[in-house]
Amino acid sequence: MRANLHADTSTHEERGQVPCSADVPAFDNVMALLREAQQSLQADPALACEYVGRALALLQQDEHSTKTSPGCLLRWQADRVADYISAHLDTPIRTAQLAALVGLSTSHFSHCFKNTFGSTPLLYIARCRIASARQIMLTTDTSLTDIALSHGFCDQSHFIRAFRRQLGVTPQAWRRLREAEH
């Protein structure tokens, strides 16, 4: 039941992501090209060479964007981290987990994360949890306790404190205000 209660329909930009670099090809595209090259190596070596050349071109673009944007996560890293956070709002998320996800040390990741997203991982995760909880509060009659637990908060009071810190009002008052508007 927990995983079904949170909904994040925001884009990376709405989540507060600030892209640091130009369009960086996804890691998955390079992997797909290399798989195609491997499969066609025996049957058509020229085609395999073409696939490898395209993969190299993507990697060189990736390398160039790293040089032009020091201290930031690459787009694929930022996307992977943001997607992971969005999918795991109901569980504890550690900075070390996120760093391992993109192959960086915890301290380097934290620095790059702050430069990319404009806040620390902890604050970013809290913002995402509150945004998702607000969406649930607008669309369901789910209790605040259930919403709190389904969004990774220890209990309802932890949720209330985090909500008030971020929005300046309690979840109950926020919900009443939104209901009065409609």
N, C-alpha and C. Protein backbone atom coordinates (compact mmCIF):
# COMPACT_ATOMS: atom_id res chain seq x y z
N MET A 1 0.81 -1.19 0.00
CA MET A 1 0.00 0.00 0.00
C MET A 1 0.86 1.26 0.00
N ARG A 2 2.01 1.20 0.63
CA ARG A 2 2.87 2.38 0.72
C ARG A 2 3.25 2.95 -0.63
N ALA A 3 3.76 2.10 -1.51
CA ALA A 3 4.26 2.59 -2.79
C ALA A 3 3.16 3.19 -3.65
N ASN A 4 1.92 2.75 -3.47
CA ASN A 4 0.83 3.26 -4.29
C ASN A 4 0.35 4.63 -3.85
N LEU A 5 0.71 5.07 -2.67
CA LEU A 5 0.21 6.34 -2.17
C LEU A 5 0.97 7.55 -2.68
N HIS A 6 2.22 7.39 -3.07
CA HIS A 6 2.94 8.57 -3.54
C HIS A 6 2.89 8.65 -5.06
N ALA A 7 2.76 9.88 -5.54
CA ALA A 7 2.70 10.10 -6.98
C ALA A 7 3.55 11.31 -7.29
N ASP A 8 4.49 11.15 -8.21
CA ASP A 8 5.32 12.27 -8.61
C ASP A 8 5.18 12.44 -10.11
N THR A 9 4.43 13.44 -10.51
CA THR A 9 4.20 13.67 -11.92
C THR A 9 5.01 14.86 -12.43
N SER A 10 5.92 15.35 -11.62
CA SER A 10 6.69 16.52 -12.02
C SER A 10 7.85 16.14 -12.92
N THR A 11 8.28 17.10 -13.72
CA THR A 11 9.46 16.90 -14.54
C THR A 11 10.68 17.20 -13.69
N HIS A 12 11.85 16.90 -14.23
CA HIS A 12 13.08 17.18 -13.47
C HIS A 12 13.19 18.67 -13.17
N GLU A 13 12.78 19.54 -14.12
CA GLU A 13 12.88 20.96 -13.88
C GLU A 13 11.95 21.39 -12.75
N GLU A 14 10.73 20.80 -12.70
CA GLU A 14 9.81 21.14 -11.62
C GLU A 14 10.32 20.65 -10.28
N ARG A 15 11.11 19.59 -10.27
CA ARG A 15 11.66 19.06 -9.03
C ARG A 15 12.81 19.90 -8.53
N GLY A 16 13.22 20.91 -9.29
CA GLY A 16 14.29 21.77 -8.83
C GLY A 16 15.63 21.44 -9.47
N GLN A 17 15.64 20.55 -10.45
CA GLN A 17 16.90 20.21 -11.10
C GLN A 17 17.33 21.36 -11.99
N VAL A 18 18.57 21.73 -11.89
CA VAL A 18 19.14 22.78 -12.72
C VAL A 18 20.19 22.13 -13.59
N PRO A 19 19.87 21.90 -14.88
CA PRO A 19 20.86 21.24 -15.73
C PRO A 19 22.14 22.05 -15.80
N CYS A 20 23.27 21.39 -15.64
CA CYS A 20 24.55 22.09 -15.66
C CYS A 20 25.19 22.09 -17.03
N SER A 21 24.89 21.11 -17.82
CA SER A 21 25.62 20.98 -19.07
C SER A 21 24.65 20.91 -20.24
N ALA A 22 25.22 20.95 -21.42
CA ALA A 22 24.42 20.81 -22.63
C ALA A 22 23.86 19.40 -22.68
N ASP A 23 23.06 19.11 -23.70
CA ASP A 23 22.48 17.78 -23.81
C ASP A 23 23.58 16.73 -23.81
N VAL A 24 23.53 15.87 -22.82
CA VAL A 24 24.51 14.81 -22.69
C VAL A 24 23.82 13.51 -23.07
N PRO A 25 24.41 12.72 -23.97
CA PRO A 25 23.76 11.48 -24.37
C PRO A 25 23.62 10.55 -23.19
N ALA A 26 22.55 9.82 -23.18
CA ALA A 26 22.30 8.88 -22.08
C ALA A 26 23.26 7.71 -22.16
N PHE A 27 23.64 7.23 -21.00
CA PHE A 27 24.48 6.05 -20.88
C PHE A 27 23.86 4.88 -21.63
N ASP A 28 22.53 4.80 -21.57
CA ASP A 28 21.82 3.70 -22.23
C ASP A 28 22.03 3.71 -23.74
N ASN A 29 22.13 4.89 -24.36
CA ASN A 29 22.35 4.97 -25.80
C ASN A 29 23.71 4.39 -26.19
N VAL A 30 24.72 4.68 -25.39
CA VAL A 30 26.05 4.15 -25.67
C VAL A 30 26.03 2.63 -25.53
N MET A 31 25.38 2.16 -24.47
CA MET A 31 25.30 0.71 -24.26
C MET A 31 24.56 0.02 -25.41
N ALA A 32 23.48 0.63 -25.88
CA ALA A 32 22.72 0.04 -26.99
C ALA A 32 23.57 -0.04 -28.26
N LEU A 33 24.34 1.02 -28.53
CA LEU A 33 25.21 1.00 -29.71
C LEU A 33 26.28 -0.08 -29.59
N LEU A 34 26.85 -0.23 -28.41
CA LEU A 34 27.88 -1.26 -28.22
C LEU A 34 27.29 -2.66 -28.33
N ARG A 35 26.06 -2.85 -27.86
CA ARG A 35 25.41 -4.16 -28.02
C ARG A 35 25.18 -4.46 -29.50
N GLU A 36 24.72 -3.46 -30.23
CA GLU A 36 24.50 -3.63 -31.68
C GLU A 36 25.82 -3.97 -32.38
N ALA A 37 26.88 -3.30 -31.99
CA ALA A 37 28.19 -3.58 -32.58
C ALA A 37 28.61 -5.01 -32.31
N GLN A 38 28.43 -5.44 -31.08
CA GLN A 38 28.80 -6.81 -30.71
C GLN A 38 28.00 -7.83 -31.52
N GLN A 39 26.70 -7.60 -31.69
CA GLN A 39 25.86 -8.53 -32.42
C GLN A 39 26.20 -8.59 -33.91
N SER A 40 26.61 -7.47 -34.48
CA SER A 40 26.88 -7.44 -35.91
C SER A 40 28.35 -7.68 -36.26
N LEU A 41 29.19 -7.90 -35.26
CA LEU A 41 30.63 -8.04 -35.48
C LEU A 41 30.97 -9.17 -36.45
N GLN A 42 30.37 -10.35 -36.28
CA GLN A 42 30.66 -11.49 -37.15
C GLN A 42 30.05 -11.32 -38.54
N ALA A 43 28.80 -10.90 -38.61
CA ALA A 43 28.08 -10.82 -39.88
C ALA A 43 28.50 -9.63 -40.73
N ASP A 44 28.71 -8.49 -40.10
CA ASP A 44 29.01 -7.27 -40.85
C ASP A 44 29.98 -6.39 -40.06
N PRO A 45 31.29 -6.66 -40.17
CA PRO A 45 32.29 -5.89 -39.42
C PRO A 45 32.25 -4.39 -39.70
N ALA A 46 31.90 -4.00 -40.92
CA ALA A 46 31.83 -2.58 -41.25
C ALA A 46 30.72 -1.89 -40.45
N LEU A 47 29.59 -2.57 -40.33
CA LEU A 47 28.48 -2.03 -39.56
C LEU A 47 28.86 -1.96 -38.08
N ALA A 48 29.56 -2.97 -37.60
CA ALA A 48 30.01 -2.98 -36.21
C ALA A 48 30.93 -1.79 -35.95
N CYS A 49 31.83 -1.51 -36.89
CA CYS A 49 32.72 -0.35 -36.76
C CYS A 49 31.93 0.95 -36.73
N GLU A 50 30.87 1.02 -37.52
CA GLU A 50 30.04 2.22 -37.52
C GLU A 50 29.37 2.43 -36.15
N TYR A 51 28.85 1.33 -35.58
CA TYR A 51 28.24 1.42 -34.25
C TYR A 51 29.24 1.87 -33.20
N VAL A 52 30.44 1.32 -33.24
CA VAL A 52 31.48 1.69 -32.28
C VAL A 52 31.85 3.16 -32.46
N GLY A 53 31.95 3.60 -33.71
CA GLY A 53 32.25 5.01 -33.98
C GLY A 53 31.20 5.94 -33.42
N ARG A 54 29.92 5.56 -33.56
CA ARG A 54 28.84 6.38 -33.01
C ARG A 54 28.90 6.41 -31.48
N ALA A 55 29.20 5.25 -30.89
CA ALA A 55 29.32 5.20 -29.42
C ALA A 55 30.47 6.09 -28.95
N LEU A 56 31.59 6.04 -29.66
CA LEU A 56 32.73 6.89 -29.32
C LEU A 56 32.37 8.38 -29.42
N ALA A 57 31.62 8.73 -30.46
CA ALA A 57 31.21 10.12 -30.63
C ALA A 57 30.35 10.57 -29.45
N LEU A 58 29.45 9.71 -29.00
CA LEU A 58 28.62 10.04 -27.84
C LEU A 58 29.47 10.21 -26.59
N LEU A 59 30.44 9.33 -26.40
CA LEU A 59 31.31 9.42 -25.23
C LEU A 59 32.17 10.68 -25.28
N GLN A 60 32.61 11.07 -26.48
CA GLN A 60 33.41 12.29 -26.61
C GLN A 60 32.56 13.52 -26.29
N GLN A 61 31.30 13.51 -26.71
CA GLN A 61 30.40 14.62 -26.33
C GLN A 61 30.25 14.66 -24.82
N ASP A 62 30.11 13.48 -24.21
CA ASP A 62 29.97 13.36 -22.76
C ASP A 62 31.22 13.93 -22.08
N GLU A 63 32.39 13.58 -22.59
CA GLU A 63 33.65 14.06 -22.03
C GLU A 63 33.74 15.58 -22.17
N HIS A 64 33.33 16.10 -23.32
CA HIS A 64 33.36 17.55 -23.54
C HIS A 64 32.45 18.27 -22.54
N SER A 65 31.26 17.73 -22.32
CA SER A 65 30.34 18.41 -21.41
C SER A 65 30.86 18.39 -19.98
N THR A 66 31.63 17.36 -19.62
CA THR A 66 32.22 17.32 -18.30
C THR A 66 33.24 18.44 -18.15
N LYS A 67 34.01 18.69 -19.20
CA LYS A 67 35.02 19.73 -19.14
C LYS A 67 34.40 21.12 -19.07
N THR A 68 33.22 21.30 -19.70
CA THR A 68 32.62 22.62 -19.70
C THR A 68 31.79 22.88 -18.45
N SER A 69 31.51 21.83 -17.67
CA SER A 69 30.67 22.00 -16.49
C SER A 69 31.29 21.29 -15.28
N PRO A 70 32.43 21.77 -14.83
CA PRO A 70 33.05 21.10 -13.69
C PRO A 70 32.19 21.25 -12.43
N GLY A 71 32.18 20.22 -11.64
CA GLY A 71 31.46 20.28 -10.38
C GLY A 71 29.99 19.99 -10.47
N CYS A 72 29.51 19.55 -11.63
CA CYS A 72 28.09 19.22 -11.78
C CYS A 72 27.95 17.76 -12.18
N LEU A 73 26.78 17.21 -11.89
CA LEU A 73 26.47 15.87 -12.36
C LEU A 73 26.18 15.95 -13.85
N LEU A 74 26.54 14.90 -14.58
CA LEU A 74 26.17 14.83 -15.98
C LEU A 74 24.66 14.61 -16.05
N ARG A 75 24.07 14.92 -17.18
CA ARG A 75 22.61 14.81 -17.30
C ARG A 75 22.13 13.41 -16.99
N TRP A 76 22.81 12.39 -17.50
CA TRP A 76 22.35 11.03 -17.24
C TRP A 76 22.45 10.70 -15.75
N GLN A 77 23.49 11.25 -15.08
CA GLN A 77 23.63 11.02 -13.64
C GLN A 77 22.51 11.73 -12.88
N ALA A 78 22.24 12.97 -13.24
CA ALA A 78 21.18 13.73 -12.58
C ALA A 78 19.82 13.06 -12.79
N ASP A 79 19.57 12.61 -14.01
CA ASP A 79 18.31 11.93 -14.30
C ASP A 79 18.19 10.63 -13.52
N ARG A 80 19.26 9.87 -13.49
CA ARG A 80 19.23 8.59 -12.77
C ARG A 80 18.98 8.81 -11.28
N VAL A 81 19.64 9.80 -10.70
CA VAL A 81 19.47 10.10 -9.27
C VAL A 81 18.05 10.59 -9.01
N ALA A 82 17.55 11.53 -9.82
CA ALA A 82 16.20 12.06 -9.63
C ALA A 82 15.15 10.97 -9.78
N ASP A 83 15.33 10.10 -10.76
CA ASP A 83 14.38 8.99 -10.95
C ASP A 83 14.42 8.02 -9.79
N TYR A 84 15.62 7.74 -9.28
CA TYR A 84 15.76 6.84 -8.14
C TYR A 84 15.06 7.43 -6.91
N ILE A 85 15.28 8.70 -6.67
CA ILE A 85 14.65 9.35 -5.52
C ILE A 85 13.13 9.29 -5.66
N SER A 86 12.64 9.63 -6.83
CA SER A 86 11.21 9.62 -7.07
C SER A 86 10.59 8.23 -6.85
N ALA A 87 11.30 7.20 -7.24
CA ALA A 87 10.79 5.83 -7.11
C ALA A 87 10.92 5.27 -5.70
N HIS A 88 11.73 5.89 -4.86
CA HIS A 88 12.00 5.36 -3.52
C HIS A 88 11.64 6.34 -2.40
N LEU A 89 10.63 7.16 -2.62
CA LEU A 89 10.24 8.15 -1.61
C LEU A 89 9.75 7.50 -0.33
N ASP A 90 9.30 6.26 -0.41
CA ASP A 90 8.75 5.58 0.76
C ASP A 90 9.79 4.86 1.59
N THR A 91 11.04 4.92 1.19
CA THR A 91 12.11 4.23 1.92
C THR A 91 13.21 5.21 2.30
N PRO A 92 14.04 4.85 3.27
CA PRO A 92 15.18 5.71 3.58
C PRO A 92 16.13 5.77 2.38
N ILE A 93 16.61 6.95 2.07
CA ILE A 93 17.54 7.14 0.95
C ILE A 93 18.80 7.77 1.52
N ARG A 94 19.90 7.10 1.36
CA ARG A 94 21.19 7.57 1.88
C ARG A 94 22.00 8.20 0.75
N THR A 95 22.77 9.20 1.09
CA THR A 95 23.63 9.85 0.11
C THR A 95 24.62 8.86 -0.49
N ALA A 96 25.12 7.95 0.32
CA ALA A 96 26.06 6.94 -0.18
C ALA A 96 25.41 6.06 -1.25
N GLN A 97 24.13 5.75 -1.09
CA GLN A 97 23.41 4.97 -2.10
C GLN A 97 23.36 5.73 -3.42
N LEU A 98 23.02 7.00 -3.34
CA LEU A 98 22.91 7.82 -4.55
C LEU A 98 24.27 7.96 -5.24
N ALA A 99 25.31 8.14 -4.44
CA ALA A 99 26.66 8.27 -5.01
C ALA A 99 27.06 6.98 -5.73
N ALA A 100 26.77 5.84 -5.12
CA ALA A 100 27.10 4.55 -5.74
C ALA A 100 26.32 4.35 -7.03
N LEU A 101 25.12 4.88 -7.07
CA LEU A 101 24.26 4.74 -8.26
C LEU A 101 24.92 5.34 -9.50
N VAL A 102 25.69 6.40 -9.31
CA VAL A 102 26.34 7.07 -10.44
C VAL A 102 27.85 6.93 -10.43
N GLY A 103 28.37 6.10 -9.53
CA GLY A 103 29.80 5.78 -9.53
C GLY A 103 30.70 6.89 -9.02
N LEU A 104 30.26 7.64 -8.03
CA LEU A 104 31.08 8.71 -7.47
C LEU A 104 31.29 8.49 -5.98
N SER A 105 32.33 9.09 -5.43
CA SER A 105 32.51 9.04 -3.98
C SER A 105 31.42 9.89 -3.34
N THR A 106 31.13 9.63 -2.09
CA THR A 106 30.05 10.34 -1.41
C THR A 106 30.32 11.84 -1.34
N SER A 107 31.55 12.22 -1.02
CA SER A 107 31.84 13.65 -0.89
C SER A 107 31.79 14.36 -2.25
N HIS A 108 32.34 13.74 -3.29
CA HIS A 108 32.31 14.35 -4.62
C HIS A 108 30.86 14.42 -5.12
N PHE A 109 30.10 13.36 -4.89
CA PHE A 109 28.70 13.34 -5.28
C PHE A 109 27.93 14.48 -4.60
N SER A 110 28.13 14.64 -3.30
CA SER A 110 27.42 15.68 -2.56
C SER A 110 27.70 17.07 -3.13
N HIS A 111 28.96 17.31 -3.46
CA HIS A 111 29.35 18.60 -4.05
C HIS A 111 28.67 18.78 -5.40
N CYS A 112 28.76 17.78 -6.26
CA CYS A 112 28.15 17.86 -7.59
C CYS A 112 26.63 17.96 -7.51
N PHE A 113 26.04 17.23 -6.58
CA PHE A 113 24.59 17.26 -6.42
C PHE A 113 24.12 18.67 -6.08
N LYS A 114 24.81 19.30 -5.14
CA LYS A 114 24.42 20.65 -4.73
C LYS A 114 24.57 21.63 -5.89
N ASN A 115 25.62 21.50 -6.68
CA ASN A 115 25.80 22.38 -7.84
C ASN A 115 24.75 22.13 -8.91
N THR A 116 24.29 20.90 -9.03
CA THR A 116 23.32 20.55 -10.06
C THR A 116 21.90 20.89 -9.65
N PHE A 117 21.51 20.52 -8.44
CA PHE A 117 20.13 20.65 -8.00
C PHE A 117 19.88 21.88 -7.12
N GLY A 118 20.93 22.55 -6.69
CA GLY A 118 20.77 23.76 -5.90
C GLY A 118 20.51 23.54 -4.43
N SER A 119 20.60 22.30 -3.96
CA SER A 119 20.44 22.01 -2.54
C SER A 119 21.14 20.70 -2.22
N THR A 120 21.24 20.42 -0.95
CA THR A 120 21.86 19.16 -0.54
C THR A 120 20.91 18.01 -0.87
N PRO A 121 21.44 16.78 -0.95
CA PRO A 121 20.56 15.64 -1.20
C PRO A 121 19.43 15.53 -0.17
N LEU A 122 19.74 15.75 1.09
CA LEU A 122 18.73 15.64 2.15
C LEU A 122 17.58 16.62 1.93
N LEU A 123 17.89 17.87 1.64
CA LEU A 123 16.84 18.87 1.42
C LEU A 123 16.05 18.58 0.14
N TYR A 124 16.74 18.14 -0.89
CA TYR A 124 16.07 17.80 -2.15
C TYR A 124 15.09 16.66 -1.95
N ILE A 125 15.51 15.62 -1.23
CA ILE A 125 14.64 14.47 -0.97
C ILE A 125 13.43 14.91 -0.15
N ALA A 126 13.64 15.75 0.84
CA ALA A 126 12.53 16.25 1.66
C ALA A 126 11.54 17.03 0.79
N ARG A 127 12.06 17.88 -0.11
CA ARG A 127 11.17 18.64 -1.02
C ARG A 127 10.35 17.71 -1.90
N CYS A 128 11.01 16.66 -2.43
CA CYS A 128 10.30 15.70 -3.28
C CYS A 128 9.21 14.96 -2.50
N ARG A 129 9.53 14.57 -1.27
CA ARG A 129 8.56 13.86 -0.44
C ARG A 129 7.35 14.75 -0.14
N ILE A 130 7.61 15.99 0.21
CA ILE A 130 6.52 16.91 0.53
C ILE A 130 5.68 17.20 -0.73
N ALA A 131 6.32 17.39 -1.87
CA ALA A 131 5.59 17.65 -3.12
C ALA A 131 4.68 16.47 -3.47
N SER A 132 5.20 15.27 -3.33
CA SER A 132 4.40 14.08 -3.62
C SER A 132 3.27 13.93 -2.61
N ALA A 133 3.55 14.20 -1.35
CA ALA A 133 2.52 14.12 -0.31
C ALA A 133 1.42 15.15 -0.58
N ARG A 134 1.78 16.34 -1.00
CA ARG A 134 0.77 17.36 -1.31
C ARG A 134 -0.14 16.90 -2.43
N GLN A 135 0.44 16.24 -3.42
CA GLN A 135 -0.36 15.73 -4.54
C GLN A 135 -1.38 14.71 -4.04
N ILE A 136 -0.95 13.82 -3.15
CA ILE A 136 -1.85 12.82 -2.57
C ILE A 136 -2.93 13.51 -1.73
N MET A 137 -2.54 14.52 -0.98
CA MET A 137 -3.49 15.24 -0.14
C MET A 137 -4.56 15.93 -0.97
N LEU A 138 -4.20 16.38 -2.17
CA LEU A 138 -5.16 17.05 -3.04
C LEU A 138 -6.14 16.08 -3.70
N THR A 139 -5.69 14.86 -3.93
CA THR A 139 -6.48 13.93 -4.74
C THR A 139 -7.14 12.80 -3.96
N THR A 140 -6.82 12.66 -2.67
CA THR A 140 -7.42 11.57 -1.88
C THR A 140 -7.80 12.07 -0.50
N ASP A 141 -8.51 11.22 0.21
CA ASP A 141 -8.86 11.49 1.61
C ASP A 141 -7.97 10.69 2.55
N THR A 142 -6.85 10.23 2.07
CA THR A 142 -5.93 9.41 2.86
C THR A 142 -5.50 10.16 4.11
N SER A 143 -5.42 9.44 5.22
CA SER A 143 -5.03 10.07 6.48
C SER A 143 -3.60 10.59 6.41
N LEU A 144 -3.31 11.60 7.20
CA LEU A 144 -1.96 12.16 7.23
C LEU A 144 -0.94 11.13 7.72
N THR A 145 -1.35 10.26 8.61
CA THR A 145 -0.44 9.21 9.10
C THR A 145 -0.04 8.29 7.95
N ASP A 146 -1.02 7.85 7.15
CA ASP A 146 -0.72 6.96 6.03
C ASP A 146 0.14 7.68 4.98
N ILE A 147 -0.16 8.94 4.73
CA ILE A 147 0.64 9.72 3.78
C ILE A 147 2.06 9.86 4.29
N ALA A 148 2.21 10.16 5.56
CA ALA A 148 3.55 10.31 6.15
C ALA A 148 4.36 9.03 6.00
N LEU A 149 3.77 7.91 6.36
CA LEU A 149 4.49 6.63 6.29
C LEU A 149 4.80 6.23 4.86
N SER A 150 3.90 6.55 3.93
CA SER A 150 4.12 6.17 2.53
C SER A 150 5.13 7.06 1.82
N HIS A 151 5.57 8.10 2.49
CA HIS A 151 6.54 9.02 1.90
C HIS A 151 7.86 9.07 2.67
N GLY A 152 8.12 8.02 3.44
CA GLY A 152 9.42 7.88 4.08
C GLY A 152 9.61 8.64 5.38
N PHE A 153 8.55 9.18 5.95
CA PHE A 153 8.67 9.86 7.24
C PHE A 153 8.49 8.83 8.35
N CYS A 154 9.17 9.05 9.46
CA CYS A 154 9.12 8.11 10.59
C CYS A 154 7.72 7.98 11.15
N ASP A 155 7.04 9.12 11.27
CA ASP A 155 5.69 9.15 11.82
C ASP A 155 5.02 10.46 11.39
N GLN A 156 3.80 10.65 11.84
CA GLN A 156 3.04 11.82 11.44
C GLN A 156 3.67 13.12 11.95
N SER A 157 4.21 13.11 13.16
CA SER A 157 4.79 14.35 13.69
C SER A 157 6.04 14.77 12.91
N HIS A 158 6.83 13.80 12.46
CA HIS A 158 7.99 14.11 11.61
C HIS A 158 7.52 14.75 10.31
N PHE A 159 6.47 14.19 9.73
CA PHE A 159 5.89 14.73 8.51
C PHE A 159 5.39 16.17 8.73
N ILE A 160 4.69 16.38 9.83
CA ILE A 160 4.14 17.71 10.12
C ILE A 160 5.27 18.73 10.27
N ARG A 161 6.33 18.36 11.00
CA ARG A 161 7.46 19.29 11.19
C ARG A 161 8.11 19.64 9.86
N ALA A 162 8.36 18.62 9.04
CA ALA A 162 9.00 18.86 7.74
C ALA A 162 8.09 19.70 6.83
N PHE A 163 6.82 19.41 6.84
CA PHE A 163 5.85 20.13 6.02
C PHE A 163 5.80 21.60 6.44
N ARG A 164 5.69 21.84 7.75
CA ARG A 164 5.62 23.21 8.27
C ARG A 164 6.92 23.96 7.99
N ARG A 165 8.06 23.30 8.12
CA ARG A 165 9.35 23.94 7.85
C ARG A 165 9.42 24.39 6.39
N GLN A 166 8.87 23.57 5.51
CA GLN A 166 8.96 23.88 4.09
C GLN A 166 7.90 24.86 3.61
N LEU A 167 6.66 24.73 4.11
CA LEU A 167 5.56 25.54 3.59
C LEU A 167 5.03 26.59 4.58
N GLY A 168 5.48 26.52 5.83
CA GLY A 168 5.04 27.50 6.81
C GLY A 168 3.66 27.25 7.38
N VAL A 169 3.06 26.11 7.09
CA VAL A 169 1.73 25.77 7.58
C VAL A 169 1.67 24.26 7.77
N THR A 170 0.80 23.79 8.65
CA THR A 170 0.69 22.35 8.89
C THR A 170 -0.03 21.68 7.71
N PRO A 171 0.18 20.38 7.54
CA PRO A 171 -0.52 19.68 6.46
C PRO A 171 -2.04 19.79 6.57
N GLN A 172 -2.55 19.68 7.78
CA GLN A 172 -4.01 19.78 8.00
C GLN A 172 -4.53 21.13 7.54
N ALA A 173 -3.86 22.21 7.94
CA ALA A 173 -4.28 23.56 7.55
C ALA A 173 -4.15 23.74 6.04
N TRP A 174 -3.07 23.23 5.46
CA TRP A 174 -2.86 23.33 4.02
C TRP A 174 -3.98 22.61 3.27
N ARG A 175 -4.33 21.43 3.73
CA ARG A 175 -5.39 20.64 3.10
C ARG A 175 -6.73 21.39 3.18
N ARG A 176 -7.04 21.97 4.35
CA ARG A 176 -8.29 22.72 4.51
C ARG A 176 -8.32 23.94 3.57
N LEU A 177 -7.20 24.64 3.45
CA LEU A 177 -7.13 25.79 2.55
C LEU A 177 -7.39 25.39 1.09
N ARG A 178 -6.78 24.29 0.70
CA ARG A 178 -6.96 23.81 -0.69
C ARG A 178 -8.39 23.35 -0.93
N GLU A 179 -9.01 22.71 0.04
CA GLU A 179 -10.41 22.28 -0.10
C GLU A 179 -11.33 23.49 -0.19
N ALA A 180 -11.03 24.53 0.56
CA ALA A 180 -11.86 25.74 0.53
C ALA A 180 -11.75 26.45 -0.81
N GLU A 181 -10.62 26.33 -1.48
CA GLU A 181 -10.43 26.96 -2.79
C GLU A 181 -11.25 26.28 -3.86
N HIS A 182 -11.58 25.02 -3.67
CA HIS A 182 -12.32 24.27 -4.68
C HIS A 182 -13.72 24.13 -4.30
